[in-house]
Full PDB file with SEQRES, HELIX, SHEET, SSBOND, CRYST1, ORIGX, SCALE, CONECT and MASTER records, all heavy atoms in Angstrom:
SEQRES   1 A   40  LEU TYR GLY THR LEU ARG ARG VAL TYR GLU LEU THR ILE          
SEQRES   2 A   40  SER LEU PRO ASP ALA PRO LEU ARG GLU PHE GLU ALA LYS          
SEQRES   3 A   40  VAL ALA ASP LEU PRO ARG THR THR GLU VAL GLU ARG LEU          
SEQRES   4 A   40  VAL                                                          
HELIX    1 AA1 TYR A    2  THR A   12  1                                  11    
HELIX    2 AA2 ALA A   18  VAL A   27  1                                  10    
HELIX    3 AA3 GLU A   35  LEU A   39  1                                   5    
CRYST1    1.000    1.000    1.000  90.00  90.00  90.00 P 1           1          
ORIGX1      1.000000  0.000000  0.000000        0.00000                         
ORIGX2      0.000000  1.000000  0.000000        0.00000                         
ORIGX3      0.000000  0.000000  1.000000        0.00000                         
SCALE1      1.000000  0.000000  0.000000        0.00000                         
SCALE2      0.000000  1.000000  0.000000        0.00000                         
SCALE3      0.000000  0.000000  1.000000        0.00000                         
ATOM      1  N   LEU A   1      85.636 131.943 101.779  1.00  0.00           N  
ATOM      2  CA  LEU A   1      86.199 130.760 102.429  1.00  0.00           C  
ATOM      3  C   LEU A   1      85.747 129.496 101.714  1.00  0.00           C  
ATOM      4  O   LEU A   1      86.561 128.589 101.456  1.00  0.00           O  
ATOM      5  CB  LEU A   1      85.765 130.713 103.897  1.00  0.00           C  
ATOM      6  CG  LEU A   1      86.139 129.430 104.659  1.00  0.00           C  
ATOM      7  CD1 LEU A   1      87.655 129.280 104.768  1.00  0.00           C  
ATOM      8  CD2 LEU A   1      85.497 129.423 106.050  1.00  0.00           C  
ATOM      9  N   TYR A   2      84.474 129.403 101.362  1.00  0.00           N  
ATOM     10  CA  TYR A   2      83.944 128.223 100.666  1.00  0.00           C  
ATOM     11  C   TYR A   2      84.685 127.987  99.347  1.00  0.00           C  
ATOM     12  O   TYR A   2      85.051 126.849  99.022  1.00  0.00           O  
ATOM     13  CB  TYR A   2      82.451 128.395 100.379  1.00  0.00           C  
ATOM     14  CG  TYR A   2      81.538 127.870 101.450  1.00  0.00           C  
ATOM     15  CD1 TYR A   2      81.533 128.410 102.728  1.00  0.00           C  
ATOM     16  CD2 TYR A   2      80.659 126.824 101.190  1.00  0.00           C  
ATOM     17  CE1 TYR A   2      80.687 127.929 103.716  1.00  0.00           C  
ATOM     18  CE2 TYR A   2      79.801 126.334 102.164  1.00  0.00           C  
ATOM     19  CZ  TYR A   2      79.820 126.895 103.430  1.00  0.00           C  
ATOM     20  OH  TYR A   2      78.982 126.413 104.395  1.00  0.00           O  
ATOM     21  N   GLY A   3      84.878 129.062  98.576  1.00  0.00           N  
ATOM     22  CA  GLY A   3      85.541 128.915  97.290  1.00  0.00           C  
ATOM     23  C   GLY A   3      86.959 128.386  97.430  1.00  0.00           C  
ATOM     24  O   GLY A   3      87.382 127.513  96.662  1.00  0.00           O  
ATOM     25  N   THR A   4      87.673 128.885  98.420  1.00  0.00           N  
ATOM     26  CA  THR A   4      89.049 128.424  98.620  1.00  0.00           C  
ATOM     27  C   THR A   4      89.085 127.005  99.170  1.00  0.00           C  
ATOM     28  O   THR A   4      89.925 126.196  98.775  1.00  0.00           O  
ATOM     29  CB  THR A   4      89.799 129.383  99.560  1.00  0.00           C  
ATOM     30  OG1 THR A   4      89.867 130.677  98.941  1.00  0.00           O  
ATOM     31  CG2 THR A   4      91.212 128.893  99.829  1.00  0.00           C  
ATOM     32  N   LEU A   5      88.162 126.665 100.076  1.00  0.00           N  
ATOM     33  CA  LEU A   5      88.119 125.304 100.620  1.00  0.00           C  
ATOM     34  C   LEU A   5      87.867 124.277  99.527  1.00  0.00           C  
ATOM     35  O   LEU A   5      88.462 123.196  99.530  1.00  0.00           O  
ATOM     36  CB  LEU A   5      87.029 125.196 101.688  1.00  0.00           C  
ATOM     37  CG  LEU A   5      87.437 125.366 103.144  1.00  0.00           C  
ATOM     38  CD1 LEU A   5      86.222 125.261 104.042  1.00  0.00           C  
ATOM     39  CD2 LEU A   5      88.495 124.351 103.557  1.00  0.00           C  
ATOM     40  N   ARG A   6      86.980 124.590  98.597  1.00  0.00           N  
ATOM     41  CA  ARG A   6      86.718 123.673  97.498  1.00  0.00           C  
ATOM     42  C   ARG A   6      87.988 123.454  96.685  1.00  0.00           C  
ATOM     43  O   ARG A   6      88.333 122.333  96.311  1.00  0.00           O  
ATOM     44  CB  ARG A   6      85.597 124.224  96.612  1.00  0.00           C  
ATOM     45  CG  ARG A   6      85.358 123.488  95.294  1.00  0.00           C  
ATOM     46  CD  ARG A   6      85.276 121.982  95.417  1.00  0.00           C  
ATOM     47  NE  ARG A   6      84.325 121.530  96.417  1.00  0.00           N  
ATOM     48  CZ  ARG A   6      84.090 120.261  96.696  1.00  0.00           C  
ATOM     49  NH1 ARG A   6      84.740 119.315  96.044  1.00  0.00           N  
ATOM     50  NH2 ARG A   6      83.220 119.925  97.628  1.00  0.00           N  
ATOM     51  N   ARG A   7      88.726 124.549  96.414  1.00  0.00           N  
ATOM     52  CA  ARG A   7      89.974 124.421  95.658  1.00  0.00           C  
ATOM     53  C   ARG A   7      91.019 123.655  96.469  1.00  0.00           C  
ATOM     54  O   ARG A   7      91.791 122.867  95.899  1.00  0.00           O  
ATOM     55  CB  ARG A   7      90.495 125.805  95.282  1.00  0.00           C  
ATOM     56  CG  ARG A   7      91.671 125.763  94.316  1.00  0.00           C  
ATOM     57  CD  ARG A   7      91.270 125.141  93.024  1.00  0.00           C  
ATOM     58  NE  ARG A   7      92.375 125.068  92.057  1.00  0.00           N  
ATOM     59  CZ  ARG A   7      92.567 124.056  91.245  1.00  0.00           C  
ATOM     60  NH1 ARG A   7      91.759 123.013  91.255  1.00  0.00           N  
ATOM     61  NH2 ARG A   7      93.565 124.059  90.381  1.00  0.00           N  
ATOM     62  N   VAL A   8      91.066 123.860  97.764  1.00  0.00           N  
ATOM     63  CA  VAL A   8      92.001 123.123  98.617  1.00  0.00           C  
ATOM     64  C   VAL A   8      91.748 121.621  98.501  1.00  0.00           C  
ATOM     65  O   VAL A   8      92.679 120.819  98.356  1.00  0.00           O  
ATOM     66  CB  VAL A   8      91.876 123.575 100.085  1.00  0.00           C  
ATOM     67  CG1 VAL A   8      92.604 122.605 101.036  1.00  0.00           C  
ATOM     68  CG2 VAL A   8      92.441 124.982 100.258  1.00  0.00           C  
ATOM     69  N   TYR A   9      90.470 121.227  98.536  1.00  0.00           N  
ATOM     70  CA  TYR A   9      90.142 119.805  98.429  1.00  0.00           C  
ATOM     71  C   TYR A   9      90.548 119.259  97.064  1.00  0.00           C  
ATOM     72  O   TYR A   9      91.157 118.185  96.973  1.00  0.00           O  
ATOM     73  CB  TYR A   9      88.646 119.589  98.656  1.00  0.00           C  
ATOM     74  CG  TYR A   9      88.231 118.150  98.499  1.00  0.00           C  
ATOM     75  CD1 TYR A   9      88.504 117.212  99.482  1.00  0.00           C  
ATOM     76  CD2 TYR A   9      87.583 117.721  97.346  1.00  0.00           C  
ATOM     77  CE1 TYR A   9      88.136 115.881  99.328  1.00  0.00           C  
ATOM     78  CE2 TYR A   9      87.206 116.396  97.177  1.00  0.00           C  
ATOM     79  CZ  TYR A   9      87.485 115.480  98.176  1.00  0.00           C  
ATOM     80  OH  TYR A   9      87.147 114.170  98.012  1.00  0.00           O  
ATOM     81  N   GLU A  10      90.231 119.979  96.000  1.00  0.00           N  
ATOM     82  CA  GLU A  10      90.587 119.524  94.650  1.00  0.00           C  
ATOM     83  C   GLU A  10      92.089 119.330  94.513  1.00  0.00           C  
ATOM     84  O   GLU A  10      92.553 118.357  93.888  1.00  0.00           O  
ATOM     85  CB  GLU A  10      90.091 120.534  93.613  1.00  0.00           C  
ATOM     86  CG  GLU A  10      88.576 120.599  93.484  1.00  0.00           C  
ATOM     87  CD  GLU A  10      88.112 121.805  92.700  1.00  0.00           C  
ATOM     88  OE1 GLU A  10      88.895 122.761  92.524  1.00  0.00           O  
ATOM     89  OE2 GLU A  10      86.955 121.807  92.266  1.00  0.00           O  
ATOM     90  N   LEU A  11      92.857 120.253  95.080  1.00  0.00           N  
ATOM     91  CA  LEU A  11      94.307 120.154  94.977  1.00  0.00           C  
ATOM     92  C   LEU A  11      94.867 119.064  95.882  1.00  0.00           C  
ATOM     93  O   LEU A  11      95.815 118.363  95.509  1.00  0.00           O  
ATOM     94  CB  LEU A  11      94.949 121.502  95.321  1.00  0.00           C  
ATOM     95  CG  LEU A  11      94.719 122.624  94.306  1.00  0.00           C  
ATOM     96  CD1 LEU A  11      95.188 123.954  94.856  1.00  0.00           C  
ATOM     97  CD2 LEU A  11      95.436 122.317  92.985  1.00  0.00           C  
ATOM     98  N   THR A  12      94.277 118.907  97.062  1.00  0.00           N  
ATOM     99  CA  THR A  12      94.793 117.913  98.003  1.00  0.00           C  
ATOM    100  C   THR A  12      94.669 116.504  97.440  1.00  0.00           C  
ATOM    101  O   THR A  12      95.562 115.668  97.659  1.00  0.00           O  
ATOM    102  CB  THR A  12      94.049 118.013  99.347  1.00  0.00           C  
ATOM    103  OG1 THR A  12      94.219 119.335  99.888  1.00  0.00           O  
ATOM    104  CG2 THR A  12      94.602 117.013 100.353  1.00  0.00           C  
ATOM    105  N   ILE A  13      93.592 116.210  96.716  1.00  0.00           N  
ATOM    106  CA  ILE A  13      93.425 114.857  96.188  1.00  0.00           C  
ATOM    107  C   ILE A  13      94.160 114.653  94.867  1.00  0.00           C  
ATOM    108  O   ILE A  13      94.148 113.548  94.321  1.00  0.00           O  
ATOM    109  CB  ILE A  13      91.932 114.495  96.004  1.00  0.00           C  
ATOM    110  CG1 ILE A  13      91.237 115.436  95.022  1.00  0.00           C  
ATOM    111  CG2 ILE A  13      91.214 114.476  97.338  1.00  0.00           C  
ATOM    112  CD1 ILE A  13      89.797 115.077  94.757  1.00  0.00           C  
ATOM    113  N   SER A  14      94.820 115.702  94.358  1.00  0.00           N  
ATOM    114  CA  SER A  14      95.557 115.545  93.103  1.00  0.00           C  
ATOM    115  C   SER A  14      97.040 115.875  93.231  1.00  0.00           C  
ATOM    116  O   SER A  14      97.806 115.631  92.288  1.00  0.00           O  
ATOM    117  CB  SER A  14      94.932 116.416  92.007  1.00  0.00           C  
ATOM    118  OG  SER A  14      94.918 117.778  92.366  1.00  0.00           O  
ATOM    119  N   LEU A  15      97.476 116.419  94.373  1.00  0.00           N  
ATOM    120  CA  LEU A  15      98.871 116.805  94.561  1.00  0.00           C  
ATOM    121  C   LEU A  15      99.456 116.133  95.792  1.00  0.00           C  
ATOM    122  O   LEU A  15      98.748 115.903  96.773  1.00  0.00           O  
ATOM    123  CB  LEU A  15      98.990 118.325  94.747  1.00  0.00           C  
ATOM    124  CG  LEU A  15      98.635 119.217  93.560  1.00  0.00           C  
ATOM    125  CD1 LEU A  15      98.666 120.677  94.010  1.00  0.00           C  
ATOM    126  CD2 LEU A  15      99.599 119.017  92.412  1.00  0.00           C  
ATOM    127  N   PRO A  16     100.787 115.932  95.837  1.00  0.00           N  
ATOM    128  CA  PRO A  16     101.640 115.811  94.651  1.00  0.00           C  
ATOM    129  C   PRO A  16     101.652 114.390  94.110  1.00  0.00           C  
ATOM    130  O   PRO A  16     101.817 114.155  92.935  1.00  0.00           O  
ATOM    131  CB  PRO A  16     103.021 116.198  95.173  1.00  0.00           C  
ATOM    132  CG  PRO A  16     102.997 115.722  96.594  1.00  0.00           C  
ATOM    133  CD  PRO A  16     101.558 115.875  97.067  1.00  0.00           C  
ATOM    134  N   ASP A  17     101.458 113.405  95.032  1.00  0.00           N  
ATOM    135  CA  ASP A  17     101.516 112.008  94.594  1.00  0.00           C  
ATOM    136  C   ASP A  17     100.265 111.226  94.989  1.00  0.00           C  
ATOM    137  O   ASP A  17     100.284 109.995  95.000  1.00  0.00           O  
ATOM    138  CB  ASP A  17     102.750 111.309  95.172  1.00  0.00           C  
ATOM    139  CG  ASP A  17     102.780 111.351  96.691  1.00  0.00           C  
ATOM    140  OD1 ASP A  17     101.923 112.037  97.284  1.00  0.00           O  
ATOM    141  OD2 ASP A  17     103.657 110.690  97.276  1.00  0.00           O  
ATOM    142  N   ALA A  18      99.172 111.919  95.265  1.00  0.00           N  
ATOM    143  CA  ALA A  18      97.929 111.231  95.638  1.00  0.00           C  
ATOM    144  C   ALA A  18      97.447 110.289  94.529  1.00  0.00           C  
ATOM    145  O   ALA A  18      97.033 109.161  94.826  1.00  0.00           O  
ATOM    146  CB  ALA A  18      96.845 112.251  96.003  1.00  0.00           C  
ATOM    147  N   PRO A  19      97.496 110.681  93.241  1.00  0.00           N  
ATOM    148  CA  PRO A  19      97.077 109.729  92.206  1.00  0.00           C  
ATOM    149  C   PRO A  19      97.947 108.478  92.173  1.00  0.00           C  
ATOM    150  O   PRO A  19      97.445 107.376  91.935  1.00  0.00           O  
ATOM    151  CB  PRO A  19      97.217 110.540  90.909  1.00  0.00           C  
ATOM    152  CG  PRO A  19      97.130 111.965  91.333  1.00  0.00           C  
ATOM    153  CD  PRO A  19      97.788 112.010  92.675  1.00  0.00           C  
ATOM    154  N   LEU A  20      99.246 108.636  92.412  1.00  0.00           N  
ATOM    155  CA  LEU A  20     100.143 107.478  92.426  1.00  0.00           C  
ATOM    156  C   LEU A  20      99.783 106.524  93.551  1.00  0.00           C  
ATOM    157  O   LEU A  20      99.717 105.298  93.336  1.00  0.00           O  
ATOM    158  CB  LEU A  20     101.596 107.935  92.571  1.00  0.00           C  
ATOM    159  CG  LEU A  20     102.632 106.820  92.715  1.00  0.00           C  
ATOM    160  CD1 LEU A  20     102.673 105.969  91.461  1.00  0.00           C  
ATOM    161  CD2 LEU A  20     104.010 107.407  93.023  1.00  0.00           C  
ATOM    162  N   ARG A  21      99.517 107.043  94.733  1.00  0.00           N  
ATOM    163  CA  ARG A  21      99.157 106.178  95.863  1.00  0.00           C  
ATOM    164  C   ARG A  21      97.841 105.450  95.576  1.00  0.00           C  
ATOM    165  O   ARG A  21      97.693 104.266  95.898  1.00  0.00           O  
ATOM    166  CB  ARG A  21      99.036 107.006  97.143  1.00  0.00           C  
ATOM    167  CG  ARG A  21     100.365 107.570  97.641  1.00  0.00           C  
ATOM    168  CD  ARG A  21     100.250 108.061  99.066  1.00  0.00           C  
ATOM    169  NE  ARG A  21      99.198 109.056  99.211  1.00  0.00           N  
ATOM    170  CZ  ARG A  21      99.373 110.360  99.034  1.00  0.00           C  
ATOM    171  NH1 ARG A  21     100.558 110.828  98.689  1.00  0.00           N  
ATOM    172  NH2 ARG A  21      98.375 111.206  99.183  1.00  0.00           N  
ATOM    173  N   GLU A  22      96.887 106.147  94.972  1.00  0.00           N  
ATOM    174  CA  GLU A  22      95.615 105.515  94.617  1.00  0.00           C  
ATOM    175  C   GLU A  22      95.837 104.394  93.603  1.00  0.00           C  
ATOM    176  O   GLU A  22      95.255 103.303  93.720  1.00  0.00           O  
ATOM    177  CB  GLU A  22      94.666 106.571  94.050  1.00  0.00           C  
ATOM    178  CG  GLU A  22      93.296 106.041  93.692  1.00  0.00           C  
ATOM    179  CD  GLU A  22      92.394 107.119  93.100  1.00  0.00           C  
ATOM    180  OE1 GLU A  22      92.810 108.293  93.034  1.00  0.00           O  
ATOM    181  OE2 GLU A  22      91.268 106.771  92.696  1.00  0.00           O  
ATOM    182  N   PHE A  23      96.673 104.655  92.619  1.00  0.00           N  
ATOM    183  CA  PHE A  23      96.976 103.660  91.587  1.00  0.00           C  
ATOM    184  C   PHE A  23      97.658 102.433  92.198  1.00  0.00           C  
ATOM    185  O   PHE A  23      97.264 101.291  91.919  1.00  0.00           O  
ATOM    186  CB  PHE A  23      97.878 104.295  90.530  1.00  0.00           C  
ATOM    187  CG  PHE A  23      98.430 103.334  89.521  1.00  0.00           C  
ATOM    188  CD1 PHE A  23      97.614 102.748  88.572  1.00  0.00           C  
ATOM    189  CD2 PHE A  23      99.788 103.025  89.515  1.00  0.00           C  
ATOM    190  CE1 PHE A  23      98.129 101.863  87.632  1.00  0.00           C  
ATOM    191  CE2 PHE A  23     100.305 102.142  88.586  1.00  0.00           C  
ATOM    192  CZ  PHE A  23      99.478 101.565  87.637  1.00  0.00           C  
ATOM    193  N   GLU A  24      98.657 102.653  93.020  1.00  0.00           N  
ATOM    194  CA  GLU A  24      99.389 101.542  93.618  1.00  0.00           C  
ATOM    195  C   GLU A  24      98.480 100.670  94.477  1.00  0.00           C  
ATOM    196  O   GLU A  24      98.612  99.441  94.495  1.00  0.00           O  
ATOM    197  CB  GLU A  24     100.570 102.065  94.431  1.00  0.00           C  
ATOM    198  CG  GLU A  24     101.671 102.659  93.565  1.00  0.00           C  
ATOM    199  CD  GLU A  24     102.790 103.298  94.367  1.00  0.00           C  
ATOM    200  OE1 GLU A  24     102.553 103.677  95.545  1.00  0.00           O  
ATOM    201  OE2 GLU A  24     103.905 103.435  93.829  1.00  0.00           O  
ATOM    202  N   ALA A  25      97.546 101.303  95.173  1.00  0.00           N  
ATOM    203  CA  ALA A  25      96.618 100.532  96.011  1.00  0.00           C  
ATOM    204  C   ALA A  25      95.685  99.676  95.145  1.00  0.00           C  
ATOM    205  O   ALA A  25      95.378  98.535  95.500  1.00  0.00           O  
ATOM    206  CB  ALA A  25      95.809 101.474  96.892  1.00  0.00           C  
ATOM    207  N   LYS A  26      95.268 100.213  94.015  1.00  0.00           N  
ATOM    208  CA  LYS A  26      94.308  99.495  93.171  1.00  0.00           C  
ATOM    209  C   LYS A  26      94.942  98.352  92.377  1.00  0.00           C  
ATOM    210  O   LYS A  26      94.261  97.372  92.045  1.00  0.00           O  
ATOM    211  CB  LYS A  26      93.621 100.469  92.211  1.00  0.00           C  
ATOM    212  CG  LYS A  26      92.594 101.359  92.882  1.00  0.00           C  
ATOM    213  CD  LYS A  26      91.790 102.147  91.864  1.00  0.00           C  
ATOM    214  CE  LYS A  26      90.663 102.923  92.539  1.00  0.00           C  
ATOM    215  NZ  LYS A  26      89.835 103.666  91.560  1.00  0.00           N  
ATOM    216  N   VAL A  27      96.218  98.473  92.057  1.00  0.00           N  
ATOM    217  CA  VAL A  27      96.839  97.453  91.199  1.00  0.00           C  
ATOM    218  C   VAL A  27      97.807  96.559  91.961  1.00  0.00           C  
ATOM    219  O   VAL A  27      98.457  95.696  91.351  1.00  0.00           O  
ATOM    220  CB  VAL A  27      97.584  98.114  90.015  1.00  0.00           C  
ATOM    221  CG1 VAL A  27      96.634  99.005  89.225  1.00  0.00           C  
ATOM    222  CG2 VAL A  27      98.798  98.903  90.483  1.00  0.00           C  
ATOM    223  N   ALA A  28      97.886  96.718  93.273  1.00  0.00           N  
ATOM    224  CA  ALA A  28      98.891  95.980  94.059  1.00  0.00           C  
ATOM    225  C   ALA A  28      98.811  94.478  93.846  1.00  0.00           C  
ATOM    226  O   ALA A  28      99.840  93.790  93.791  1.00  0.00           O  
ATOM    227  CB  ALA A  28      98.732  96.323  95.537  1.00  0.00           C  
ATOM    228  N   ASP A  29      97.617  93.940  93.728  1.00  0.00           N  
ATOM    229  CA  ASP A  29      97.451  92.484  93.618  1.00  0.00           C  
ATOM    230  C   ASP A  29      97.109  92.018  92.204  1.00  0.00           C  
ATOM    231  O   ASP A  29      96.750  90.854  92.010  1.00  0.00           O  
ATOM    232  CB  ASP A  29      96.357  92.019  94.588  1.00  0.00           C  
ATOM    233  CG  ASP A  29      96.702  92.332  96.038  1.00  0.00           C  
ATOM    234  OD1 ASP A  29      97.882  92.225  96.390  1.00  0.00           O  
ATOM    235  OD2 ASP A  29      95.785  92.698  96.800  1.00  0.00           O  
ATOM    236  N   LEU A  30      97.203  92.907  91.240  1.00  0.00           N  
ATOM    237  CA  LEU A  30      96.850  92.525  89.875  1.00  0.00           C  
ATOM    238  C   LEU A  30      98.064  91.948  89.138  1.00  0.00           C  
ATOM    239  O   LEU A  30      99.176  92.472  89.246  1.00  0.00           O  
ATOM    240  CB  LEU A  30      96.324  93.735  89.105  1.00  0.00           C  
ATOM    241  CG  LEU A  30      94.997  94.332  89.586  1.00  0.00           C  
ATOM    242  CD1 LEU A  30      94.593  95.490  88.685  1.00  0.00           C  
ATOM    243  CD2 LEU A  30      93.898  93.275  89.619  1.00  0.00           C  
ATOM    244  N   PRO A  31      97.870  90.881  88.373  1.00  0.00           N  
ATOM    245  CA  PRO A  31      98.976  90.304  87.597  1.00  0.00           C  
ATOM    246  C   PRO A  31      99.337  91.203  86.417  1.00  0.00           C  
ATOM    247  O   PRO A  31      98.510  91.957  85.910  1.00  0.00           O  
ATOM    248  CB  PRO A  31      98.398  88.973  87.124  1.00  0.00           C  
ATOM    249  CG  PRO A  31      96.919  89.202  87.066  1.00  0.00           C  
ATOM    250  CD  PRO A  31      96.610  90.134  88.206  1.00  0.00           C  
ATOM    251  N   ARG A  32     100.599  91.109  85.984  1.00  0.00           N  
ATOM    252  CA  ARG A  32     101.053  91.902  84.836  1.00  0.00           C  
ATOM    253  C   ARG A  32     101.889  91.037  83.901  1.00  0.00           C  
ATOM    254  O   ARG A  32     102.830  91.516  83.272  1.00  0.00           O  
ATOM    255  CB  ARG A  32     101.872  93.109  85.306  1.00  0.00           C  
ATOM    256  CG  ARG A  32     101.189  93.966  86.348  1.00  0.00           C  
ATOM    257  CD  ARG A  32     101.945  95.229  86.634  1.00  0.00           C  
ATOM    258  NE  ARG A  32     101.487  95.881  87.860  1.00  0.00           N  
ATOM    259  CZ  ARG A  32     101.830  97.097  88.223  1.00  0.00           C  
ATOM    260  NH1 ARG A  32     102.658  97.796  87.480  1.00  0.00           N  
ATOM    261  NH2 ARG A  32     101.376  97.620  89.347  1.00  0.00           N  
ATOM    262  N   THR A  33     101.539  89.775  83.811  1.00  0.00           N  
ATOM    263  CA  THR A  33     102.330  88.830  83.029  1.00  0.00           C  
ATOM    264  C   THR A  33     102.065  88.969  81.543  1.00  0.00           C  
ATOM    265  O   THR A  33     102.987  89.031  80.727  1.00  0.00           O  
ATOM    266  CB  THR A  33     102.036  87.385  83.475  1.00  0.00           C  
ATOM    267  OG1 THR A  33     102.274  87.274  84.879  1.00  0.00           O  
ATOM    268  CG2 THR A  33     102.933  86.406  82.723  1.00  0.00           C  
ATOM    269  N   THR A  34     100.798  89.021  81.175  1.00  0.00           N  
ATOM    270  CA  THR A  34     100.442  89.071  79.756  1.00  0.00           C  
ATOM    271  C   THR A  34     100.206  90.515  79.317  1.00  0.00           C  
ATOM    272  O   THR A  34     100.038  91.423  80.138  1.00  0.00           O  
ATOM    273  CB  THR A  34      99.176  88.255  79.485  1.00  0.00           C  
ATOM    274  OG1 THR A  34      98.059  88.913  80.107  1.00  0.00           O  
ATOM    275  CG2 THR A  34      99.310  86.845  80.043  1.00  0.00           C  
ATOM    276  N   GLU A  35     100.168  90.695  78.008  1.00  0.00           N  
ATOM    277  CA  GLU A  35      99.907  92.023  77.461  1.00  0.00           C  
ATOM    278  C   GLU A  35      98.519  92.514  77.866  1.00  0.00           C  
ATOM    279  O   GLU A  35      98.334  93.700  78.179  1.00  0.00           O  
ATOM    280  CB  GLU A  35     100.030  91.989  75.942  1.00  0.00           C  
ATOM    281  CG  GLU A  35      99.822  93.341  75.266  1.00  0.00           C  
ATOM    282  CD  GLU A  35     100.885  94.363  75.656  1.00  0.00           C  
ATOM    283  OE1 GLU A  35     101.971  93.961  76.128  1.00  0.00           O  
ATOM    284  OE2 GLU A  35     100.617  95.567  75.496  1.00  0.00           O  
ATOM    285  N   VAL A  36      97.545  91.632  77.875  1.00  0.00           N  
ATOM    286  CA  VAL A  36      96.185  92.005  78.272  1.00  0.00           C  
ATOM    287  C   VAL A  36      96.174  92.471  79.726  1.00  0.00           C  
ATOM    288  O   VAL A  36      95.534  93.480  80.057  1.00  0.00           O  
ATOM    289  CB  VAL A  36      95.217  90.819  78.080  1.00  0.00           C  
ATOM    290  CG1 VAL A  36      93.856  91.138  78.703  1.00  0.00           C  
ATOM    291  CG2 VAL A  36      95.058  90.498  76.613  1.00  0.00           C  
ATOM    292  N   GLU A  37      96.881  91.759  80.593  1.00  0.00           N  
ATOM    293  CA  GLU A  37      96.934  92.144  82.008  1.00  0.00           C  
ATOM    294  C   GLU A  37      97.616  93.489  82.177  1.00  0.00           C  
ATOM    295  O   GLU A  37      97.174  94.326  82.976  1.00  0.00           O  
ATOM    296  CB  GLU A  37      97.670  91.059  82.810  1.00  0.00           C  
ATOM    297  CG  GLU A  37      96.879  89.758  82.931  1.00  0.00           C  
ATOM    298  CD  GLU A  37      97.711  88.616  83.464  1.00  0.00           C  
ATOM    299  OE1 GLU A  37      98.967  88.736  83.502  1.00  0.00           O  
ATOM    300  OE2 GLU A  37      97.120  87.583  83.850  1.00  0.00           O  
ATOM    301  N   ARG A  38      98.672  93.732  81.427  1.00  0.00           N  
ATOM    302  CA  ARG A  38      99.364  95.026  81.517  1.00  0.00           C  
ATOM    303  C   ARG A  38      98.478  96.155  81.006  1.00  0.00           C  
ATOM    304  O   ARG A  38      98.502  97.270  81.541  1.00  0.00           O  
ATOM    305  CB  ARG A  38     100.683  94.971  80.738  1.00  0.00           C  
ATOM    306  CG  ARG A  38     101.750  94.118  81.420  1.00  0.00           C  
ATOM    307  CD  ARG A  38     103.103  94.307  80.762  1.00  0.00           C  
ATOM    308  NE  ARG A  38     103.150  93.696  79.449  1.00  0.00           N  
ATOM    309  CZ  ARG A  38     103.511  92.432  79.212  1.00  0.00           C  
ATOM    310  NH1 ARG A  38     103.846  91.648  80.228  1.00  0.00           N  
ATOM    311  NH2 ARG A  38     103.548  91.956  77.985  1.00  0.00           N  
ATOM    312  N   LEU A  39      97.685  95.883  79.998  1.00  0.00           N  
ATOM    313  CA  LEU A  39      96.766  96.896  79.475  1.00  0.00           C  
ATOM    314  C   LEU A  39      95.669  97.235  80.491  1.00  0.00           C  
ATOM    315  O   LEU A  39      95.239  98.390  80.586  1.00  0.00           O  
ATOM    316  CB  LEU A  39      96.141  96.426  78.167  1.00  0.00           C  
ATOM    317  CG  LEU A  39      97.060  96.438  76.943  1.00  0.00           C  
ATOM    318  CD1 LEU A  39      96.374  95.799  75.745  1.00  0.00           C  
ATOM    319  CD2 LEU A  39      97.502  97.865  76.613  1.00  0.00           C  
ATOM    320  N   VAL A  40      95.238  96.229  81.255  1.00  0.00           N  
ATOM    321  CA  VAL A  40      94.240  96.476  82.307  1.00  0.00           C  
ATOM    322  C   VAL A  40      94.824  97.423  83.353  1.00  0.00           C  
ATOM    323  O   VAL A  40      94.174  98.388  83.779  1.00  0.00           O  
ATOM    324  CB  VAL A  40      93.800  95.151  82.958  1.00  0.00           C  
ATOM    325  CG1 VAL A  40      92.991  95.422  84.227  1.00  0.00           C  
ATOM    326  CG2 VAL A  40      92.975  94.325  81.980  1.00  0.00           C  
TER     327      VAL A  40                                                      
MASTER        0    0    0    3    0    0    0    6  326    1    0    4          
END                                                                             
């Protein structure tokens, strides 16, 4: 059970769009006007 629960957690935080939601939350208020800002 422990082995499967660990895998469940790893998959839950990476599937299917969890990384996208994390990214959108982190960059929501960041400017993207200049090339440097877009690179950030």
